[in-house]
Amino acid sequence: QVQLVESGGGLVQPGGSLRLSCVVSGFTFSSLAMSWFRQAPGKERELVASISSGSNTYYADSVKGRFTISRDNAKNTVYLQMNSLKPEDTAVYYCKARDWSGHNYWGQGTQITVSS
């Protein structure tokens, strides 16, 4: 059974930084495509960034140049480094894994609040 556990959320001031981590168990991590999504109150869940098994990356325009997604296959972990945070980045952030068959697995989410 695939499990995803996110950590690293919290309260940060505008302009600050946070790093999210998502540890995956129950699957061969190196074969998974990993993504970070977020959902703000009253809004739909949106893709923030993704990284393929071959470490190709994608970023939403709203975070390009500020966020960096990376993976450590030895630690079964995907990261999201978030810099220059803005109040509009406030949301629950979710980690998602997609296996070779296209099945998606989700973490429980972690809250990020950007506020002074």
Protein backbone atom coordinates (compact mmCIF):
# COMPACT_ATOMS: atom_id res chain seq x y z
CA GLN A 1 0.00 0.00 0.00
CA VAL A 2 1.39 3.34 -1.06
CA GLN A 3 1.55 5.98 1.66
CA LEU A 4 2.58 9.61 1.35
CA VAL A 5 3.38 11.73 4.38
CA GLU A 6 3.93 15.46 3.98
CA SER A 7 5.70 17.73 6.43
CA GLY A 8 7.14 21.23 6.62
CA GLY A 9 4.03 23.38 6.56
CA GLY A 10 3.36 26.31 8.81
CA LEU A 11 3.03 30.05 9.13
CA VAL A 12 5.52 32.29 7.34
CA GLN A 13 5.75 36.01 6.65
CA PRO A 14 5.53 37.35 3.10
CA GLY A 15 8.90 37.06 1.42
CA GLY A 16 9.86 34.11 3.58
CA SER A 17 10.76 30.55 2.68
CA LEU A 18 9.61 27.06 3.54
CA ARG A 19 10.53 23.59 2.39
CA LEU A 20 7.94 20.85 2.14
CA SER A 21 8.86 17.19 2.22
CA CYS A 22 6.84 14.16 1.16
CA VAL A 23 8.05 10.71 2.13
CA VAL A 24 6.67 7.80 0.13
CA SER A 25 6.47 4.19 1.25
CA GLY A 26 5.03 1.02 -0.22
CA PHE A 27 6.24 1.52 -3.79
CA THR A 28 9.41 1.80 -5.80
CA PHE A 29 9.83 5.53 -5.39
CA SER A 30 12.21 6.02 -8.30
CA SER A 31 9.53 4.85 -10.74
CA LEU A 32 6.91 7.33 -9.54
CA ALA A 33 6.07 10.69 -11.06
CA MET A 34 5.63 13.13 -8.19
CA SER A 35 3.69 16.36 -7.95
CA TRP A 36 2.71 19.05 -5.53
CA PHE A 37 -0.80 20.47 -5.67
CA ARG A 38 -2.45 23.12 -3.55
CA GLN A 39 -5.99 24.10 -2.67
CA ALA A 40 -6.96 27.47 -1.26
CA PRO A 41 -10.30 28.00 0.50
CA GLY A 42 -13.10 28.21 -2.03
CA LYS A 43 -10.84 27.30 -4.94
CA GLU A 44 -10.14 24.19 -6.93
CA ARG A 45 -7.05 22.13 -6.33
CA GLU A 46 -4.30 23.21 -8.70
CA LEU A 47 -1.01 21.76 -9.85
CA VAL A 48 1.98 23.64 -8.48
CA ALA A 49 4.94 21.60 -9.69
CA SER A 50 5.80 18.12 -10.86
CA ILE A 51 8.88 16.00 -11.38
CA SER A 52 9.07 12.87 -13.48
CA SER A 53 10.92 9.67 -12.69
CA GLY A 54 13.65 11.04 -14.93
CA SER A 55 13.68 14.34 -12.99
CA ASN A 56 12.07 16.45 -15.67
CA THR A 57 10.24 19.30 -13.97
CA TYR A 58 7.18 21.44 -14.58
CA TYR A 59 6.02 24.56 -12.75
CA ALA A 60 2.83 26.54 -12.77
CA ASP A 61 3.37 30.07 -14.02
CA SER A 62 2.35 31.45 -10.64
CA VAL A 63 5.32 29.83 -8.88
CA LYS A 64 7.94 29.73 -11.62
CA GLY A 65 11.20 31.23 -10.42
CA ARG A 66 10.16 31.02 -6.76
CA PHE A 67 9.51 27.32 -6.12
CA THR A 68 11.79 24.37 -6.81
CA ILE A 69 10.73 20.74 -6.87
CA SER A 70 13.33 18.04 -6.36
CA ARG A 71 13.55 14.39 -5.44
CA ASP A 72 15.91 12.15 -3.51
CA ASN A 73 15.35 8.58 -4.61
CA ALA A 74 17.64 7.26 -1.88
CA LYS A 75 15.35 8.80 0.74
CA ASN A 76 12.03 8.13 -1.06
CA THR A 77 11.33 11.84 -0.71
CA VAL A 78 10.16 14.69 -2.89
CA TYR A 79 10.71 18.28 -1.83
CA LEU A 80 9.18 21.62 -2.63
CA GLN A 81 11.41 24.57 -1.80
CA MET A 82 9.29 27.71 -1.66
CA ASN A 83 10.95 31.11 -1.68
CA SER A 84 9.60 34.65 -1.86
CA LEU A 85 6.28 33.47 -0.52
CA LYS A 86 3.21 35.61 -1.09
CA PRO A 87 -0.13 35.71 0.72
CA GLU A 88 -1.72 34.16 -2.36
CA ASP A 89 0.41 31.06 -1.80
CA THR A 90 -1.68 30.32 1.28
CA ALA A 91 -3.31 26.92 0.80
CA VAL A 92 -3.25 23.31 1.82
CA TYR A 93 -0.44 21.66 -0.12
CA TYR A 94 -0.77 18.05 -1.23
CA CYS A 95 1.80 15.59 -2.46
CA LYS A 96 0.72 13.23 -5.24
CA ALA A 97 2.38 10.15 -6.68
CA ARG A 98 1.48 8.57 -10.01
CA ASP A 99 2.59 5.05 -10.80
CA TRP A 100 3.35 3.45 -14.17
CA SER A 101 -0.30 2.44 -14.66
CA GLY A 102 -1.56 5.98 -14.08
CA HIS A 103 -2.93 5.36 -10.60
CA ASN A 104 -2.70 8.38 -8.32
CA TYR A 105 -1.93 8.38 -4.61
CA TRP A 106 -2.38 11.44 -2.39
CA GLY A 107 -0.95 12.63 0.88
CA GLN A 108 -3.03 14.10 3.66
CA GLY A 109 -2.01 17.69 2.99
CA THR A 110 -0.12 20.30 4.95
CA GLN A 111 -1.23 23.89 5.60
CA ILE A 112 0.85 26.82 4.42
CA THR A 113 -0.18 30.25 5.64
CA VAL A 114 1.63 33.34 4.38
CA SER A 115 0.74 36.31 6.53
CA SER A 116 2.31 39.14 8.45
